[in-house]
């Protein structure tokens, strides 16, 4: 089991100058609902990470190789951040290129996880 490391923020910057900031909570959280599981009966999730390096590796993976690495998911994140309007078509691809990923720790200090030269 992991431990509560606090709430981190991830600043995601794209090559074209737009981006967003994500919140990553490391403490106990509750799952959302679904058609078969009522959200008011949500289950508790224990912390998943034991160290900063584990959460940093997860952040980097999600945005470079995982679910959030494709254009359709990056477009949705930009939309939610208010940077761009709703995409006309959410096509998957690799045209939205990451420029920099910066973690903002709970104490306000920052660490660059990825930087394109």
PDB file of N, CA and C in Angstrom:
ATOM      1  N   UNK A   1       0.827  -1.181   0.000  1.00  0.00           N
ATOM      2  CA  UNK A   1       0.000   0.000   0.000  1.00  0.00           C
ATOM      3  C   UNK A   1       0.873   1.247   0.000  1.00  0.00           C
ATOM      4  N   UNK A   2       0.343   2.290  -0.575  1.00  0.00           N
ATOM      5  CA  UNK A   2       1.063   3.551  -0.638  1.00  0.00           C
ATOM      6  C   UNK A   2       0.836   4.403   0.598  1.00  0.00           C
ATOM      7  N   UNK A   3       1.300   5.629   0.512  1.00  0.00           N
ATOM      8  CA  UNK A   3       1.103   6.566   1.618  1.00  0.00           C
ATOM      9  C   UNK A   3       0.703   7.923   1.061  1.00  0.00           C
ATOM     10  N   UNK A   4       0.090   8.723   1.887  1.00  0.00           N
ATOM     11  CA  UNK A   4      -0.367  10.049   1.473  1.00  0.00           C
ATOM     12  C   UNK A   4       0.834  10.981   1.393  1.00  0.00           C
ATOM     13  N   UNK A   5       1.156  11.407   0.184  1.00  0.00           N
ATOM     14  CA  UNK A   5       2.284  12.306  -0.064  1.00  0.00           C
ATOM     15  C   UNK A   5       1.833  13.752  -0.244  1.00  0.00           C
ATOM     16  N   UNK A   6       0.517  13.977  -0.182  1.00  0.00           N
ATOM     17  CA  UNK A   6      -0.020  15.315  -0.414  1.00  0.00           C
ATOM     18  C   UNK A   6      -0.606  15.430  -1.809  1.00  0.00           C
ATOM     19  N   UNK A   7      -0.968  16.641  -2.191  1.00  0.00           N
ATOM     20  CA  UNK A   7      -1.532  16.888  -3.521  1.00  0.00           C
ATOM     21  C   UNK A   7      -0.484  17.563  -4.390  1.00  0.00           C
ATOM     22  N   UNK A   8      -0.201  16.928  -5.517  1.00  0.00           N
ATOM     23  CA  UNK A   8       0.748  17.449  -6.490  1.00  0.00           C
ATOM     24  C   UNK A   8      -0.028  18.057  -7.656  1.00  0.00           C
ATOM     25  N   UNK A   9       0.618  18.940  -8.379  1.00  0.00           N
ATOM     26  CA  UNK A   9       0.049  19.489  -9.606  1.00  0.00           C
ATOM     27  C   UNK A   9       1.054  19.265 -10.724  1.00  0.00           C
ATOM     28  N   UNK A  10       0.549  18.996 -11.913  1.00  0.00           N
ATOM     29  CA  UNK A  10       1.403  18.754 -13.069  1.00  0.00           C
ATOM     30  C   UNK A  10       1.085  19.797 -14.127  1.00  0.00           C
ATOM     31  N   UNK A  11       2.085  20.634 -14.441  1.00  0.00           N
ATOM     32  CA  UNK A  11       1.937  21.636 -15.509  1.00  0.00           C
ATOM     33  C   UNK A  11       2.358  20.975 -16.816  1.00  0.00           C
ATOM     34  N   UNK A  12       1.417  20.914 -17.758  1.00  0.00           N
ATOM     35  CA  UNK A  12       1.645  20.280 -19.055  1.00  0.00           C
ATOM     36  C   UNK A  12       1.694  21.382 -20.112  1.00  0.00           C
ATOM     37  N   UNK A  13       2.833  21.528 -20.761  1.00  0.00           N
ATOM     38  CA  UNK A  13       3.006  22.544 -21.794  1.00  0.00           C
ATOM     39  C   UNK A  13       3.220  21.852 -23.137  1.00  0.00           C
ATOM     40  N   UNK A  14       2.493  22.308 -24.159  1.00  0.00           N
ATOM     41  CA  UNK A  14       2.626  21.763 -25.503  1.00  0.00           C
ATOM     42  C   UNK A  14       3.484  22.696 -26.356  1.00  0.00           C
ATOM     43  N   UNK A  15       3.974  22.160 -27.463  1.00  0.00           N
ATOM     44  CA  UNK A  15       4.840  22.930 -28.365  1.00  0.00           C
ATOM     45  C   UNK A  15       4.218  24.221 -28.869  1.00  0.00           C
ATOM     46  N   UNK A  16       2.906  24.228 -29.033  1.00  0.00           N
ATOM     47  CA  UNK A  16       2.255  25.408 -29.608  1.00  0.00           C
ATOM     48  C   UNK A  16       1.917  26.479 -28.576  1.00  0.00           C
ATOM     49  N   UNK A  17       2.384  26.300 -27.330  1.00  0.00           N
ATOM     50  CA  UNK A  17       2.204  27.334 -26.313  1.00  0.00           C
ATOM     51  C   UNK A  17       0.987  27.189 -25.420  1.00  0.00           C
ATOM     52  N   UNK A  18       0.137  26.214 -25.666  1.00  0.00           N
ATOM     53  CA  UNK A  18      -1.022  25.993 -24.793  1.00  0.00           C
ATOM     54  C   UNK A  18      -0.711  24.847 -23.839  1.00  0.00           C
ATOM     55  N   UNK A  19      -1.574  24.662 -22.861  1.00  0.00           N
ATOM     56  CA  UNK A  19      -1.387  23.583 -21.914  1.00  0.00           C
ATOM     57  C   UNK A  19      -2.416  23.639 -20.810  1.00  0.00           C
ATOM     58  N   UNK A  20      -2.150  22.917 -19.754  1.00  0.00           N
ATOM     59  CA  UNK A  20      -3.077  22.846 -18.633  1.00  0.00           C
ATOM     60  C   UNK A  20      -2.305  22.409 -17.394  1.00  0.00           C
ATOM     61  N   UNK A  21      -2.978  22.491 -16.237  1.00  0.00           N
ATOM     62  CA  UNK A  21      -2.425  21.999 -14.985  1.00  0.00           C
ATOM     63  C   UNK A  21      -3.389  20.958 -14.425  1.00  0.00           C
ATOM     64  N   UNK A  22      -2.848  19.791 -14.098  1.00  0.00           N
ATOM     65  CA  UNK A  22      -3.633  18.693 -13.534  1.00  0.00           C
ATOM     66  C   UNK A  22      -3.363  18.575 -12.039  1.00  0.00           C
ATOM     67  N   UNK A  23      -4.372  18.135 -11.305  1.00  0.00           N
ATOM     68  CA  UNK A  23      -4.227  17.882  -9.874  1.00  0.00           C
ATOM     69  C   UNK A  23      -4.086  16.376  -9.659  1.00  0.00           C
ATOM     70  N   UNK A  24      -3.078  15.986  -8.890  1.00  0.00           N
ATOM     71  CA  UNK A  24      -2.833  14.579  -8.562  1.00  0.00           C
ATOM     72  C   UNK A  24      -2.867  14.436  -7.048  1.00  0.00           C
ATOM     73  N   UNK A  25      -3.932  13.838  -6.533  1.00  0.00           N
ATOM     74  CA  UNK A  25      -4.075  13.621  -5.092  1.00  0.00           C
ATOM     75  C   UNK A  25      -3.495  12.260  -4.741  1.00  0.00           C
ATOM     76  N   UNK A  26      -2.763  12.184  -3.651  1.00  0.00           N
ATOM     77  CA  UNK A  26      -2.138  10.912  -3.279  1.00  0.00           C
ATOM     78  C   UNK A  26      -2.754  10.283  -2.040  1.00  0.00           C
ATOM     79  N   UNK A  27      -3.722  10.937  -1.416  1.00  0.00           N
ATOM     80  CA  UNK A  27      -4.345  10.398  -0.211  1.00  0.00           C
ATOM     81  C   UNK A  27      -5.487   9.460  -0.538  1.00  0.00           C
ATOM     82  N   UNK A  28      -6.219   9.063   0.478  1.00  0.00           N
ATOM     83  CA  UNK A  28      -7.385   8.197   0.289  1.00  0.00           C
ATOM     84  C   UNK A  28      -8.422   8.954  -0.525  1.00  0.00           C
ATOM     85  N   UNK A  29      -8.965   8.283  -1.538  1.00  0.00           N
ATOM     86  CA  UNK A  29      -9.984   8.874  -2.400  1.00  0.00           C
ATOM     87  C   UNK A  29     -11.156   7.910  -2.513  1.00  0.00           C
ATOM     88  N   UNK A  30     -12.229   8.407  -3.072  1.00  0.00           N
ATOM     89  CA  UNK A  30     -13.417   7.592  -3.290  1.00  0.00           C
ATOM     90  C   UNK A  30     -13.656   7.442  -4.779  1.00  0.00           C
ATOM     91  N   UNK A  31     -14.096   6.254  -5.181  1.00  0.00           N
ATOM     92  CA  UNK A  31     -14.375   6.028  -6.598  1.00  0.00           C
ATOM     93  C   UNK A  31     -15.684   6.707  -6.979  1.00  0.00           C
ATOM     94  N   UNK A  32     -15.855   6.919  -8.248  1.00  0.00           N
ATOM     95  CA  UNK A  32     -17.099   7.480  -8.758  1.00  0.00           C
ATOM     96  C   UNK A  32     -18.134   6.396  -8.968  1.00  0.00           C
ATOM     97  N   UNK A  33     -19.305   6.789  -9.401  1.00  0.00           N
ATOM     98  CA  UNK A  33     -20.370   5.831  -9.644  1.00  0.00           C
ATOM     99  C   UNK A  33     -20.370   5.329 -11.071  1.00  0.00           C
ATOM    100  N   UNK A  34     -21.208   4.386 -11.328  1.00  0.00           N
ATOM    101  CA  UNK A  34     -21.403   3.836 -12.664  1.00  0.00           C
ATOM    102  C   UNK A  34     -22.865   3.418 -12.770  1.00  0.00           C
ATOM    103  N   UNK A  35     -23.240   2.849 -13.891  1.00  0.00           N
ATOM    104  CA  UNK A  35     -24.628   2.403 -14.051  1.00  0.00           C
ATOM    105  C   UNK A  35     -25.006   1.362 -13.007  1.00  0.00           C
ATOM    106  N   UNK A  36     -24.063   0.506 -12.655  1.00  0.00           N
ATOM    107  CA  UNK A  36     -24.375  -0.574 -11.720  1.00  0.00           C
ATOM    108  C   UNK A  36     -23.925  -0.281 -10.288  1.00  0.00           C
ATOM    109  N   UNK A  37     -23.203   0.823 -10.068  1.00  0.00           N
ATOM    110  CA  UNK A  37     -22.677   1.133  -8.739  1.00  0.00           C
ATOM    111  C   UNK A  37     -23.038   2.562  -8.391  1.00  0.00           C
ATOM    112  N   UNK A  38     -23.859   2.740  -7.396  1.00  0.00           N
ATOM    113  CA  UNK A  38     -24.344   4.063  -7.014  1.00  0.00           C
ATOM    114  C   UNK A  38     -23.204   4.898  -6.432  1.00  0.00           C
ATOM    115  N   UNK A  39     -23.026   6.144  -6.892  1.00  0.00           N
ATOM    116  CA  UNK A  39     -21.905   6.955  -6.412  1.00  0.00           C
ATOM    117  C   UNK A  39     -21.936   7.258  -4.911  1.00  0.00           C
ATOM    118  N   UNK A  40     -23.098   7.224  -4.291  1.00  0.00           N
ATOM    119  CA  UNK A  40     -23.155   7.479  -2.849  1.00  0.00           C
ATOM    120  C   UNK A  40     -22.659   6.291  -2.026  1.00  0.00           C
ATOM    121  N   UNK A  41     -22.505   5.146  -2.685  1.00  0.00           N
ATOM    122  CA  UNK A  41     -21.955   3.956  -2.034  1.00  0.00           C
ATOM    123  C   UNK A  41     -20.505   3.737  -2.477  1.00  0.00           C
ATOM    124  N   UNK A  42     -19.840   4.810  -2.815  1.00  0.00           N
ATOM    125  CA  UNK A  42     -18.494   4.725  -3.373  1.00  0.00           C
ATOM    126  C   UNK A  42     -17.526   4.030  -2.430  1.00  0.00           C
ATOM    127  N   UNK A  43     -16.622   3.272  -3.027  1.00  0.00           N
ATOM    128  CA  UNK A  43     -15.592   2.600  -2.245  1.00  0.00           C
ATOM    129  C   UNK A  43     -14.371   3.494  -2.073  1.00  0.00           C
ATOM    130  N   UNK A  44     -13.622   3.222  -1.012  1.00  0.00           N
ATOM    131  CA  UNK A  44     -12.409   3.991  -0.742  1.00  0.00           C
ATOM    132  C   UNK A  44     -11.215   3.348  -1.437  1.00  0.00           C
ATOM    133  N   UNK A  45     -10.350   4.198  -1.993  1.00  0.00           N
ATOM    134  CA  UNK A  45      -9.090   3.746  -2.561  1.00  0.00           C
ATOM    135  C   UNK A  45      -7.964   4.219  -1.658  1.00  0.00           C
ATOM    136  N   UNK A  46      -7.111   3.314  -1.283  1.00  0.00           N
ATOM    137  CA  UNK A  46      -5.944   3.693  -0.491  1.00  0.00           C
ATOM    138  C   UNK A  46      -4.919   4.363  -1.410  1.00  0.00           C
ATOM    139  N   UNK A  47      -3.984   5.108  -0.837  1.00  0.00           N
ATOM    140  CA  UNK A  47      -2.940   5.724  -1.663  1.00  0.00           C
ATOM    141  C   UNK A  47      -2.195   4.673  -2.490  1.00  0.00           C
ATOM    142  N   UNK A  48      -1.845   5.055  -3.710  1.00  0.00           N
ATOM    143  CA  UNK A  48      -1.204   4.114  -4.628  1.00  0.00           C
ATOM    144  C   UNK A  48       0.314   4.237  -4.662  1.00  0.00           C
ATOM    145  N   UNK A  49       0.854   5.365  -4.249  1.00  0.00           N
ATOM    146  CA  UNK A  49       2.292   5.613  -4.395  1.00  0.00           C
ATOM    147  C   UNK A  49       2.987   5.647  -3.040  1.00  0.00           C
ATOM    148  N   UNK A  50       4.237   5.168  -3.013  1.00  0.00           N
ATOM    149  CA  UNK A  50       5.047   5.184  -1.800  1.00  0.00           C
ATOM    150  C   UNK A  50       6.076   6.299  -1.776  1.00  0.00           C
ATOM    151  N   UNK A  51       6.370   6.874  -2.935  1.00  0.00           N
ATOM    152  CA  UNK A  51       7.415   7.887  -3.014  1.00  0.00           C
ATOM    153  C   UNK A  51       7.106   8.881  -4.125  1.00  0.00           C
ATOM    154  N   UNK A  52       7.791  10.019  -4.075  1.00  0.00           N
ATOM    155  CA  UNK A  52       7.647  11.005  -5.145  1.00  0.00           C
ATOM    156  C   UNK A  52       8.044  10.397  -6.486  1.00  0.00           C
ATOM    157  N   UNK A  53       9.112   9.625  -6.510  1.00  0.00           N
ATOM    158  CA  UNK A  53       9.580   9.055  -7.780  1.00  0.00           C
ATOM    159  C   UNK A  53       8.513   8.171  -8.418  1.00  0.00           C
ATOM    160  N   UNK A  54       7.754   7.434  -7.604  1.00  0.00           N
ATOM    161  CA  UNK A  54       6.684   6.588  -8.150  1.00  0.00           C
ATOM    162  C   UNK A  54       5.590   7.431  -8.793  1.00  0.00           C
ATOM    163  N   UNK A  55       5.156   8.495  -8.122  1.00  0.00           N
ATOM    164  CA  UNK A  55       4.105   9.326  -8.722  1.00  0.00           C
ATOM    165  C   UNK A  55       4.651  10.072  -9.935  1.00  0.00           C
ATOM    166  N   UNK A  56       5.913  10.518  -9.891  1.00  0.00           N
ATOM    167  CA  UNK A  56       6.512  11.209 -11.034  1.00  0.00           C
ATOM    168  C   UNK A  56       6.585  10.276 -12.245  1.00  0.00           C
ATOM    169  N   UNK A  57       6.975   9.019 -12.029  1.00  0.00           N
ATOM    170  CA  UNK A  57       7.025   8.044 -13.124  1.00  0.00           C
ATOM    171  C   UNK A  57       5.639   7.819 -13.722  1.00  0.00           C
ATOM    172  N   UNK A  58       4.620   7.761 -12.858  1.00  0.00           N
ATOM    173  CA  UNK A  58       3.250   7.572 -13.338  1.00  0.00           C
ATOM    174  C   UNK A  58       2.794   8.768 -14.166  1.00  0.00           C
ATOM    175  N   UNK A  59       3.046   9.979 -13.671  1.00  0.00           N
ATOM    176  CA  UNK A  59       2.667  11.188 -14.402  1.00  0.00           C
ATOM    177  C   UNK A  59       3.288  11.192 -15.800  1.00  0.00           C
ATOM    178  N   UNK A  60       4.571  10.929 -15.850  1.00  0.00           N
ATOM    179  CA  UNK A  60       5.286  10.945 -17.130  1.00  0.00           C
ATOM    180  C   UNK A  60       4.753   9.860 -18.057  1.00  0.00           C
ATOM    181  N   UNK A  61       4.540   8.663 -17.527  1.00  0.00           N
ATOM    182  CA  UNK A  61       4.031   7.566 -18.345  1.00  0.00           C
ATOM    183  C   UNK A  61       2.657   7.889 -18.934  1.00  0.00           C
ATOM    184  N   UNK A  62       1.752   8.379 -18.093  1.00  0.00           N
ATOM    185  CA  UNK A  62       0.380   8.649 -18.543  1.00  0.00           C
ATOM    186  C   UNK A  62       0.374   9.615 -19.726  1.00  0.00           C
ATOM    187  N   UNK A  63       1.258  10.610 -19.703  1.00  0.00           N
ATOM    188  CA  UNK A  63       1.255  11.626 -20.760  1.00  0.00           C
ATOM    189  C   UNK A  63       2.174  11.326 -21.938  1.00  0.00           C
ATOM    190  N   UNK A  64       3.067  10.356 -21.811  1.00  0.00           N
ATOM    191  CA  UNK A  64       3.949  10.034 -22.933  1.00  0.00           C
ATOM    192  C   UNK A  64       3.613   8.712 -23.601  1.00  0.00           C
ATOM    193  N   UNK A  65       3.056   7.764 -22.848  1.00  0.00           N
ATOM    194  CA  UNK A  65       2.757   6.451 -23.402  1.00  0.00           C
ATOM    195  C   UNK A  65       1.360   5.951 -23.051  1.00  0.00           C
ATOM    196  N   UNK A  66       0.777   6.466 -21.994  1.00  0.00           N
ATOM    197  CA  UNK A  66      -0.499   5.976 -21.494  1.00  0.00           C
ATOM    198  C   UNK A  66      -1.705   6.617 -22.164  1.00  0.00           C
ATOM    199  N   UNK A  67      -2.845   6.549 -21.462  1.00  0.00           N
ATOM    200  CA  UNK A  67      -4.122   7.016 -22.000  1.00  0.00           C
ATOM    201  C   UNK A  67      -4.122   8.477 -22.430  1.00  0.00           C
ATOM    202  N   UNK A  68      -3.372   9.325 -21.742  1.00  0.00           N
ATOM    203  CA  UNK A  68      -3.403  10.756 -22.043  1.00  0.00           C
ATOM    204  C   UNK A  68      -2.370  11.179 -23.079  1.00  0.00           C
ATOM    205  N   UNK A  69      -1.709  10.222 -23.722  1.00  0.00           N
ATOM    206  CA  UNK A  69      -0.648  10.567 -24.664  1.00  0.00           C
ATOM    207  C   UNK A  69      -1.140  10.862 -26.074  1.00  0.00           C
ATOM    208  N   UNK A  70      -2.375  10.507 -26.398  1.00  0.00           N
ATOM    209  CA  UNK A  70      -2.878  10.710 -27.758  1.00  0.00           C
ATOM    210  C   UNK A  70      -3.594  12.062 -27.897  1.00  0.00           C
ATOM    211  N   UNK A  71      -3.722  12.492 -29.131  1.00  0.00           N
ATOM    212  CA  UNK A  71      -4.329  13.795 -29.412  1.00  0.00           C
ATOM    213  C   UNK A  71      -5.750  13.931 -28.886  1.00  0.00           C
ATOM    214  N   UNK A  72      -6.549  12.869 -28.963  1.00  0.00           N
ATOM    215  CA  UNK A  72      -7.943  13.004 -28.540  1.00  0.00           C
ATOM    216  C   UNK A  72      -8.021  13.308 -27.044  1.00  0.00           C
ATOM    217  N   UNK A  73      -7.198  12.656 -26.230  1.00  0.00           N
ATOM    218  CA  UNK A  73      -7.221  12.923 -24.798  1.00  0.00           C
ATOM    219  C   UNK A  73      -6.557  14.242 -24.440  1.00  0.00           C
ATOM    220  N   UNK A  74      -5.502  14.611 -25.142  1.00  0.00           N
ATOM    221  CA  UNK A  74      -4.891  15.928 -24.918  1.00  0.00           C
ATOM    222  C   UNK A  74      -5.889  17.031 -25.281  1.00  0.00           C
ATOM    223  N   UNK A  75      -6.628  16.848 -26.378  1.00  0.00           N
ATOM    224  CA  UNK A  75      -7.636  17.834 -26.792  1.00  0.00           C
ATOM    225  C   UNK A  75      -8.718  18.005 -25.736  1.00  0.00           C
ATOM    226  N   UNK A  76      -9.145  16.904 -25.141  1.00  0.00           N
ATOM    227  CA  UNK A  76     -10.150  16.985 -24.082  1.00  0.00           C
ATOM    228  C   UNK A  76      -9.610  17.739 -22.869  1.00  0.00           C
ATOM    229  N   UNK A  77      -8.379  17.482 -22.501  1.00  0.00           N
ATOM    230  CA  UNK A  77      -7.781  18.195 -21.368  1.00  0.00           C
ATOM    231  C   UNK A  77      -7.657  19.684 -21.655  1.00  0.00           C
ATOM    232  N   UNK A  78      -7.278  20.040 -22.883  1.00  0.00           N
ATOM    233  CA  UNK A  78      -7.220  21.454 -23.264  1.00  0.00           C
ATOM    234  C   UNK A  78      -8.601  22.091 -23.199  1.00  0.00           C
ATOM    235  N   UNK A  79      -9.586  21.359 -23.646  1.00  0.00           N
ATOM    236  CA  UNK A  79     -10.965  21.864 -23.607  1.00  0.00           C
ATOM    237  C   UNK A  79     -11.398  22.133 -22.170  1.00  0.00           C
ATOM    238  N   UNK A  80     -11.150  21.177 -21.279  1.00  0.00           N
ATOM    239  CA  UNK A  80     -11.531  21.344 -19.880  1.00  0.00           C
ATOM    240  C   UNK A  80     -10.783  22.500 -19.228  1.00  0.00           C
ATOM    241  N   UNK A  81      -9.555  22.739 -19.662  1.00  0.00           N
ATOM    242  CA  UNK A  81      -8.753  23.829 -19.104  1.00  0.00           C
ATOM    243  C   UNK A  81      -9.173  25.187 -19.658  1.00  0.00           C
ATOM    244  N   UNK A  82     -10.066  25.204 -20.638  1.00  0.00           N
ATOM    245  CA  UNK A  82     -10.545  26.459 -21.207  1.00  0.00           C
ATOM    246  C   UNK A  82      -9.587  27.077 -22.204  1.00  0.00           C
ATOM    247  N   UNK A  83      -8.617  26.313 -22.674  1.00  0.00           N
ATOM    248  CA  UNK A  83      -7.624  26.828 -23.612  1.00  0.00           C
ATOM    249  C   UNK A  83      -8.129  26.809 -25.055  1.00  0.00           C
ATOM    250  N   UNK A  84      -8.971  25.865 -25.365  1.00  0.00           N
ATOM    251  CA  UNK A  84      -9.487  25.750 -26.728  1.00  0.00           C
ATOM    252  C   UNK A  84     -10.956  25.366 -26.654  1.00  0.00           C
ATOM    253  N   UNK A  85     -11.671  25.621 -27.721  1.00  0.00           N
ATOM    254  CA  UNK A  85     -13.076  25.236 -27.782  1.00  0.00           C
ATOM    255  C   UNK A  85     -13.216  23.739 -27.985  1.00  0.00           C
ATOM    256  N   UNK A  86     -14.450  23.284 -28.018  1.00  0.00           N
ATOM    257  CA  UNK A  86     -14.668  21.850 -28.217  1.00  0.00           C
ATOM    258  C   UNK A  86     -14.092  21.398 -29.558  1.00  0.00           C
ATOM    259  N   UNK A  87     -13.369  20.296 -29.577  1.00  0.00           N
ATOM    260  CA  UNK A  87     -12.833  19.803 -30.844  1.00  0.00           C
ATOM    261  C   UNK A  87     -13.958  19.361 -31.763  1.00  0.00           C
ATOM    262  N   UNK A  88     -13.790  19.632 -33.048  1.00  0.00           N
ATOM    263  CA  UNK A  88     -14.809  19.222 -34.017  1.00  0.00           C
ATOM    264  C   UNK A  88     -14.863  17.707 -34.115  1.00  0.00           C
ATOM    265  N   UNK A  89     -13.697  17.089 -34.162  1.00  0.00           N
ATOM    266  CA  UNK A  89     -13.624  15.632 -34.219  1.00  0.00           C
ATOM    267  C   UNK A  89     -12.471  15.198 -33.330  1.00  0.00           C
ATOM    268  N   UNK A  90     -12.745  14.267 -32.477  1.00  0.00           N
ATOM    269  CA  UNK A  90     -11.692  13.770 -31.590  1.00  0.00           C
ATOM    270  C   UNK A  90     -10.981  12.602 -32.258  1.00  0.00           C
ATOM    271  N   UNK A  91     -10.028  12.935 -33.101  1.00  0.00           N
ATOM    272  CA  UNK A  91      -9.281  11.891 -33.787  1.00  0.00           C
ATOM    273  C   UNK A  91      -8.004  11.600 -33.020  1.00  0.00           C
ATOM    274  N   UNK A  92      -7.678  10.330 -32.960  1.00  0.00           N
ATOM    275  CA  UNK A  92      -6.458   9.938 -32.280  1.00  0.00           C
ATOM    276  C   UNK A  92      -5.269  10.212 -33.204  1.00  0.00           C
ATOM    277  N   UNK A  93      -4.156  10.576 -32.607  1.00  0.00           N
ATOM    278  CA  UNK A  93      -2.942  10.842 -33.366  1.00  0.00           C
ATOM    279  C   UNK A  93      -1.855  11.317 -32.432  1.00  0.00           C
ATOM    280  N   UNK A  94      -0.788  11.810 -33.009  1.00  0.00           N
ATOM    281  CA  UNK A  94       0.348  12.282 -32.223  1.00  0.00           C
ATOM    282  C   UNK A  94       0.827  13.638 -32.716  1.00  0.00           C
ATOM    283  N   UNK A  95      -0.088  14.551 -32.997  1.00  0.00           N
ATOM    284  CA  UNK A  95       0.306  15.871 -33.506  1.00  0.00           C
ATOM    285  C   UNK A  95       0.472  16.906 -32.399  1.00  0.00           C
ATOM    286  N   UNK A  96      -0.156  16.701 -31.234  1.00  0.00           N
ATOM    287  CA  UNK A  96      -0.009  17.613 -30.101  1.00  0.00           C
ATOM    288  C   UNK A  96       1.208  17.159 -29.298  1.00  0.00           C
ATOM    289  N   UNK A  97       2.309  17.878 -29.468  1.00  0.00           N
ATOM    290  CA  UNK A  97       3.601  17.448 -28.937  1.00  0.00           C
ATOM    291  C   UNK A  97       3.878  18.109 -27.590  1.00  0.00           C
ATOM    292  N   UNK A  98       4.315  17.303 -26.624  1.00  0.00           N
ATOM    293  CA  UNK A  98       4.694  17.821 -25.315  1.00  0.00           C
ATOM    294  C   UNK A  98       5.992  18.609 -25.411  1.00  0.00           C
ATOM    295  N   UNK A  99       6.004  19.781 -24.789  1.00  0.00           N
ATOM    296  CA  UNK A  99       7.223  20.584 -24.704  1.00  0.00           C
ATOM    297  C   UNK A  99       7.885  20.385 -23.338  1.00  0.00           C
ATOM    298  N   UNK A 100       7.041  20.398 -22.272  1.00  0.00           N
ATOM    299  CA  UNK A 100       7.588  20.305 -20.923  1.00  0.00           C
ATOM    300  C   UNK A 100       6.517  19.772 -19.975  1.00  0.00           C
ATOM    301  N   UNK A 101       6.957  18.929 -19.034  1.00  0.00           N
ATOM    302  CA  UNK A 101       6.128  18.480 -17.917  1.00  0.00           C
ATOM    303  C   UNK A 101       6.830  18.930 -16.643  1.00  0.00           C
ATOM    304  N   UNK A 102       6.129  19.707 -15.824  1.00  0.00           N
ATOM    305  CA  UNK A 102       6.700  20.207 -14.582  1.00  0.00           C
ATOM    306  C   UNK A 102       5.789  19.850 -13.418  1.00  0.00           C
ATOM    307  N   UNK A 103       6.351  19.183 -12.415  1.00  0.00           N
ATOM    308  CA  UNK A 103       5.598  18.850 -11.203  1.00  0.00           C
ATOM    309  C   UNK A 103       5.717  19.999 -10.220  1.00  0.00           C
ATOM    310  N   UNK A 104       4.593  20.360  -9.615  1.00  0.00           N
ATOM    311  CA  UNK A 104       4.573  21.331  -8.524  1.00  0.00           C
ATOM    312  C   UNK A 104       4.223  20.524  -7.274  1.00  0.00           C
ATOM    313  N   UNK A 105       5.193  20.440  -6.378  1.00  0.00           N
ATOM    314  CA  UNK A 105       5.024  19.661  -5.150  1.00  0.00           C
ATOM    315  C   UNK A 105       4.066  20.374  -4.187  1.00  0.00           C
ATOM    316  N   UNK A 106       3.571  19.640  -3.176  1.00  0.00           N
ATOM    317  CA  UNK A 106       2.698  20.274  -2.176  1.00  0.00           C
ATOM    318  C   UNK A 106       3.331  21.480  -1.486  1.00  0.00           C
ATOM    319  N   UNK A 107       4.664  21.520  -1.370  1.00  0.00           N
ATOM    320  CA  UNK A 107       5.320  22.666  -0.723  1.00  0.00           C
ATOM    321  C   UNK A 107       5.608  23.812  -1.690  1.00  0.00           C
ATOM    322  N   UNK A 108       5.200  23.668  -2.968  1.00  0.00           N
ATOM    323  CA  UNK A 108       5.376  24.728  -3.954  1.00  0.00           C
ATOM    324  C   UNK A 108       6.645  24.632  -4.777  1.00  0.00           C
ATOM    325  N   UNK A 109       7.572  23.757  -4.413  1.00  0.00           N
ATOM    326  CA  UNK A 109       8.775  23.598  -5.221  1.00  0.00           C
ATOM    327  C   UNK A 109       8.432  22.841  -6.501  1.00  0.00           C
ATOM    328  N   UNK A 110       9.269  23.019  -7.518  1.00  0.00           N
ATOM    329  CA  UNK A 110       8.983  22.423  -8.818  1.00  0.00           C
ATOM    330  C   UNK A 110      10.108  21.510  -9.272  1.00  0.00           C
ATOM    331  N   UNK A 111       9.734  20.537 -10.110  1.00  0.00           N
ATOM    332  CA  UNK A 111      10.703  19.626 -10.711  1.00  0.00           C
ATOM    333  C   UNK A 111      10.268  19.370 -12.144  1.00  0.00           C
ATOM    334  N   UNK A 112      11.184  19.552 -13.089  1.00  0.00           N
ATOM    335  CA  UNK A 112      10.891  19.269 -14.491  1.00  0.00           C
ATOM    336  C   UNK A 112      11.060  17.774 -14.729  1.00  0.00           C
ATOM    337  N   UNK A 113       9.994  17.138 -15.245  1.00  0.00           N
ATOM    338  CA  UNK A 113      10.037  15.700 -15.534  1.00  0.00           C
ATOM    339  C   UNK A 113      10.446  15.432 -16.964  1.00  0.00           C
ATOM    340  N   UNK A 114      10.092  16.336 -17.857  1.00  0.00           N
ATOM    341  CA  UNK A 114      10.367  16.151 -19.279  1.00  0.00           C
ATOM    342  C   UNK A 114      10.528  17.527 -19.903  1.00  0.00           C
ATOM    343  N   UNK A 115      11.528  17.655 -20.743  1.00  0.00           N
ATOM    344  CA  UNK A 115      11.714  18.924 -21.451  1.00  0.00           C
ATOM    345  C   UNK A 115      12.265  18.624 -22.834  1.00  0.00           C
ATOM    346  N   UNK A 116      11.530  19.060 -23.836  1.00  0.00           N
ATOM    347  CA  UNK A 116      11.955  18.874 -25.223  1.00  0.00           C
ATOM    348  C   UNK A 116      12.943  19.976 -25.562  1.00  0.00           C
ATOM    349  N   UNK A 117      14.026  19.590 -26.169  1.00  0.00           N
ATOM    350  CA  UNK A 117      15.048  20.579 -26.547  1.00  0.00           C
ATOM    351  C   UNK A 117      14.783  21.195 -27.889  1.00  0.00           C
TER     352      UNK A 117
END
